[in-house]
Amino acid sequence: MSGDTARTTPNPWQFIRYCAGARLPDSMRDWVRDDLTGKGAARRMMVRVAVPAVLVLAPFWLIPTTLVVHLSMTLPILIPFVYFSHALNKVWRRHMLSVHGLDPDLVDELARKRDAHIHQAYIERYGPRPED
């Protein structure tokens, strides 16, 4: 079992538990940080919400009926899943960062790097922002 503590990426069972909100060992903090703040993090989180929803709704497509009825049975359930996974994406990623003992503000790290030149141009033009 000592090999498990040195792992830096989760095994399949740990990954499934992680997707459901479980905490990974501290040796995987770098992986968690990259997963929750790296490129494509929002997309990954939305897929992790959509996959269980699709699995739950898939049996509806086994009922013999028309395409319109299939769509009317599944889309009213699937659309809110996708909508709320997008709306609560940043909230969930902040929560998961804090669960793993990381700074929740890391969620905005890519946006801060992307927009750094805008902030620098503002400072050069108007001076530093006053502290509140």
C-alpha atoms as a PDB file:
ATOM      1  CA  MET A   1       0.000   0.000   0.000  1.00  0.00           C
ATOM      2  CA  SER A   2       2.975   2.333   0.298  1.00  0.00           C
ATOM      3  CA  GLY A   3       2.867   2.746  -3.487  1.00  0.00           C
ATOM      4  CA  ASP A   4      -0.584   4.331  -3.165  1.00  0.00           C
ATOM      5  CA  THR A   5       0.697   7.166  -0.969  1.00  0.00           C
ATOM      6  CA  ALA A   6       3.373   8.105  -3.507  1.00  0.00           C
ATOM      7  CA  ARG A   7       0.981   8.210  -6.457  1.00  0.00           C
ATOM      8  CA  THR A   8       0.645  11.587  -8.137  1.00  0.00           C
ATOM      9  CA  THR A   9      -2.423  10.717 -10.238  1.00  0.00           C
ATOM     10  CA  PRO A  10      -5.577   8.939  -9.101  1.00  0.00           C
ATOM     11  CA  ASN A  11      -6.384   5.371 -10.065  1.00  0.00           C
ATOM     12  CA  PRO A  12      -9.813   4.761 -11.697  1.00  0.00           C
ATOM     13  CA  TRP A  13     -11.607   4.132  -8.383  1.00  0.00           C
ATOM     14  CA  GLN A  14     -10.094   7.250  -6.789  1.00  0.00           C
ATOM     15  CA  PHE A  15     -11.011   9.279  -9.875  1.00  0.00           C
ATOM     16  CA  ILE A  16     -14.666   8.187  -9.686  1.00  0.00           C
ATOM     17  CA  ARG A  17     -14.772   9.070  -5.984  1.00  0.00           C
ATOM     18  CA  TYR A  18     -13.040  12.397  -6.731  1.00  0.00           C
ATOM     19  CA  CYS A  19     -15.674  13.214  -9.362  1.00  0.00           C
ATOM     20  CA  ALA A  20     -18.309  12.619  -6.675  1.00  0.00           C
ATOM     21  CA  GLY A  21     -16.562  15.025  -4.289  1.00  0.00           C
ATOM     22  CA  ALA A  22     -14.154  12.834  -2.313  1.00  0.00           C
ATOM     23  CA  ARG A  23     -10.772  14.113  -1.178  1.00  0.00           C
ATOM     24  CA  LEU A  24      -7.638  12.697  -2.792  1.00  0.00           C
ATOM     25  CA  PRO A  25      -4.386  12.080  -0.865  1.00  0.00           C
ATOM     26  CA  ASP A  26      -2.022  15.024  -0.409  1.00  0.00           C
ATOM     27  CA  SER A  27       0.468  13.453  -2.832  1.00  0.00           C
ATOM     28  CA  MET A  28      -2.001  14.267  -5.636  1.00  0.00           C
ATOM     29  CA  ARG A  29      -2.386  17.984  -4.842  1.00  0.00           C
ATOM     30  CA  ASP A  30      -0.520  19.058  -7.985  1.00  0.00           C
ATOM     31  CA  TRP A  31      -2.830  16.924 -10.110  1.00  0.00           C
ATOM     32  CA  VAL A  32      -5.915  18.328  -8.331  1.00  0.00           C
ATOM     33  CA  ARG A  33      -4.651  21.885  -8.769  1.00  0.00           C
ATOM     34  CA  ASP A  34      -4.107  21.378 -12.489  1.00  0.00           C
ATOM     35  CA  ASP A  35      -7.434  19.570 -12.867  1.00  0.00           C
ATOM     36  CA  LEU A  36      -9.425  22.344 -11.189  1.00  0.00           C
ATOM     37  CA  THR A  37      -7.539  25.396 -12.438  1.00  0.00           C
ATOM     38  CA  GLY A  38      -5.801  24.333 -15.638  1.00  0.00           C
ATOM     39  CA  LYS A  39      -6.867  24.740 -19.215  1.00  0.00           C
ATOM     40  CA  GLY A  40     -10.214  23.038 -19.858  1.00  0.00           C
ATOM     41  CA  ALA A  41     -11.163  22.775 -16.171  1.00  0.00           C
ATOM     42  CA  ALA A  42     -14.662  24.183 -16.697  1.00  0.00           C
ATOM     43  CA  ARG A  43     -15.296  21.824 -19.604  1.00  0.00           C
ATOM     44  CA  ARG A  44     -14.090  18.814 -17.591  1.00  0.00           C
ATOM     45  CA  MET A  45     -16.408  19.679 -14.717  1.00  0.00           C
ATOM     46  CA  MET A  46     -19.399  20.031 -17.045  1.00  0.00           C
ATOM     47  CA  VAL A  47     -18.663  16.638 -18.611  1.00  0.00           C
ATOM     48  CA  ARG A  48     -18.420  15.092 -15.142  1.00  0.00           C
ATOM     49  CA  VAL A  49     -21.934  16.333 -14.408  1.00  0.00           C
ATOM     50  CA  ALA A  50     -23.351  15.378 -17.808  1.00  0.00           C
ATOM     51  CA  VAL A  51     -22.075  11.780 -17.876  1.00  0.00           C
ATOM     52  CA  PRO A  52     -24.083  10.545 -14.852  1.00  0.00           C
ATOM     53  CA  ALA A  53     -27.148  12.421 -16.099  1.00  0.00           C
ATOM     54  CA  VAL A  54     -26.897  10.765 -19.511  1.00  0.00           C
ATOM     55  CA  LEU A  55     -26.422   7.347 -17.883  1.00  0.00           C
ATOM     56  CA  VAL A  56     -29.569   7.846 -15.817  1.00  0.00           C
ATOM     57  CA  LEU A  57     -31.548   9.041 -18.843  1.00  0.00           C
ATOM     58  CA  ALA A  58     -30.263   6.400 -21.291  1.00  0.00           C
ATOM     59  CA  PRO A  59     -32.889   3.758 -20.353  1.00  0.00           C
ATOM     60  CA  PHE A  60     -35.617   6.152 -21.511  1.00  0.00           C
ATOM     61  CA  TRP A  61     -34.297   5.667 -25.039  1.00  0.00           C
ATOM     62  CA  LEU A  62     -35.024   1.919 -24.790  1.00  0.00           C
ATOM     63  CA  ILE A  63     -38.759   2.586 -24.582  1.00  0.00           C
ATOM     64  CA  PRO A  64     -40.273   2.006 -28.032  1.00  0.00           C
ATOM     65  CA  THR A  65     -41.707   5.355 -29.117  1.00  0.00           C
ATOM     66  CA  THR A  66     -41.043   8.231 -31.483  1.00  0.00           C
ATOM     67  CA  LEU A  67     -38.039  10.542 -31.463  1.00  0.00           C
ATOM     68  CA  VAL A  68     -40.194  13.446 -30.302  1.00  0.00           C
ATOM     69  CA  VAL A  69     -41.346  11.527 -27.222  1.00  0.00           C
ATOM     70  CA  HIS A  70     -37.774  10.423 -26.450  1.00  0.00           C
ATOM     71  CA  LEU A  71     -36.604  14.026 -26.638  1.00  0.00           C
ATOM     72  CA  SER A  72     -39.537  15.253 -24.550  1.00  0.00           C
ATOM     73  CA  MET A  73     -38.680  12.673 -21.859  1.00  0.00           C
ATOM     74  CA  THR A  74     -34.962  13.379 -21.660  1.00  0.00           C
ATOM     75  CA  LEU A  75     -34.238  16.974 -22.654  1.00  0.00           C
ATOM     76  CA  PRO A  76     -36.284  18.630 -19.860  1.00  0.00           C
ATOM     77  CA  ILE A  77     -34.093  16.736 -17.392  1.00  0.00           C
ATOM     78  CA  LEU A  78     -30.764  17.022 -19.219  1.00  0.00           C
ATOM     79  CA  ILE A  79     -30.924  20.755 -19.993  1.00  0.00           C
ATOM     80  CA  PRO A  80     -31.098  21.838 -16.312  1.00  0.00           C
ATOM     81  CA  PHE A  81     -28.158  19.525 -15.528  1.00  0.00           C
ATOM     82  CA  VAL A  82     -26.062  21.251 -18.165  1.00  0.00           C
ATOM     83  CA  TYR A  83     -27.315  24.715 -17.198  1.00  0.00           C
ATOM     84  CA  PHE A  84     -26.590  24.290 -13.484  1.00  0.00           C
ATOM     85  CA  SER A  85     -23.251  22.603 -14.104  1.00  0.00           C
ATOM     86  CA  HIS A  86     -22.235  25.734 -15.993  1.00  0.00           C
ATOM     87  CA  ALA A  87     -23.739  28.149 -13.467  1.00  0.00           C
ATOM     88  CA  LEU A  88     -22.189  26.451 -10.428  1.00  0.00           C
ATOM     89  CA  ASN A  89     -18.928  25.427 -12.081  1.00  0.00           C
ATOM     90  CA  LYS A  90     -16.700  27.986 -10.389  1.00  0.00           C
ATOM     91  CA  VAL A  91     -18.425  27.464  -7.033  1.00  0.00           C
ATOM     92  CA  TRP A  92     -17.833  23.700  -7.169  1.00  0.00           C
ATOM     93  CA  ARG A  93     -14.215  24.095  -8.261  1.00  0.00           C
ATOM     94  CA  ARG A  94     -13.580  26.570  -5.400  1.00  0.00           C
ATOM     95  CA  HIS A  95     -15.121  24.086  -2.974  1.00  0.00           C
ATOM     96  CA  MET A  96     -12.983  21.212  -4.266  1.00  0.00           C
ATOM     97  CA  LEU A  97      -9.836  23.332  -3.993  1.00  0.00           C
ATOM     98  CA  SER A  98     -10.621  24.135  -0.363  1.00  0.00           C
ATOM     99  CA  VAL A  99     -11.426  20.461   0.356  1.00  0.00           C
ATOM    100  CA  HIS A 100      -7.931  19.586  -0.851  1.00  0.00           C
ATOM    101  CA  GLY A 101      -6.314  22.345   1.223  1.00  0.00           C
ATOM    102  CA  LEU A 102      -5.574  24.611  -1.747  1.00  0.00           C
ATOM    103  CA  ASP A 103      -6.347  28.314  -2.164  1.00  0.00           C
ATOM    104  CA  PRO A 104      -9.879  28.707  -3.637  1.00  0.00           C
ATOM    105  CA  ASP A 105      -8.758  31.854  -5.477  1.00  0.00           C
ATOM    106  CA  LEU A 106      -6.679  29.651  -7.785  1.00  0.00           C
ATOM    107  CA  VAL A 107      -9.878  29.144  -9.811  1.00  0.00           C
ATOM    108  CA  ASP A 108      -9.297  32.534 -11.458  1.00  0.00           C
ATOM    109  CA  GLU A 109      -5.578  31.962 -12.044  1.00  0.00           C
ATOM    110  CA  LEU A 110      -5.836  31.501 -15.832  1.00  0.00           C
ATOM    111  CA  ALA A 111      -8.068  34.561 -16.202  1.00  0.00           C
ATOM    112  CA  ARG A 112      -5.632  36.648 -14.141  1.00  0.00           C
ATOM    113  CA  LYS A 113      -2.731  35.525 -16.326  1.00  0.00           C
ATOM    114  CA  ARG A 114      -4.760  36.146 -19.476  1.00  0.00           C
ATOM    115  CA  ASP A 115      -5.833  39.630 -18.372  1.00  0.00           C
ATOM    116  CA  ALA A 116      -2.546  40.696 -16.741  1.00  0.00           C
ATOM    117  CA  HIS A 117      -1.686  42.973 -19.651  1.00  0.00           C
ATOM    118  CA  ILE A 118      -5.013  44.814 -19.251  1.00  0.00           C
ATOM    119  CA  HIS A 119      -4.332  45.452 -15.566  1.00  0.00           C
ATOM    120  CA  GLN A 120      -0.767  46.519 -16.322  1.00  0.00           C
ATOM    121  CA  ALA A 121      -1.999  48.979 -18.982  1.00  0.00           C
ATOM    122  CA  TYR A 122      -4.469  50.403 -16.451  1.00  0.00           C
ATOM    123  CA  ILE A 123      -1.711  50.878 -13.867  1.00  0.00           C
ATOM    124  CA  GLU A 124       0.547  52.545 -16.422  1.00  0.00           C
ATOM    125  CA  ARG A 125      -2.211  54.911 -17.499  1.00  0.00           C
ATOM    126  CA  TYR A 126      -3.984  55.709 -14.216  1.00  0.00           C
ATOM    127  CA  GLY A 127      -1.617  54.499 -11.507  1.00  0.00           C
ATOM    128  CA  PRO A 128      -2.136  51.679  -9.038  1.00  0.00           C
ATOM    129  CA  ARG A 129      -5.613  51.029  -7.727  1.00  0.00           C
ATOM    130  CA  PRO A 130      -6.283  52.317  -4.226  1.00  0.00           C
ATOM    131  CA  GLU A 131      -6.558  49.691  -1.506  1.00  0.00           C
ATOM    132  CA  ASP A 132     -10.032  49.429   0.026  1.00  0.00           C
END
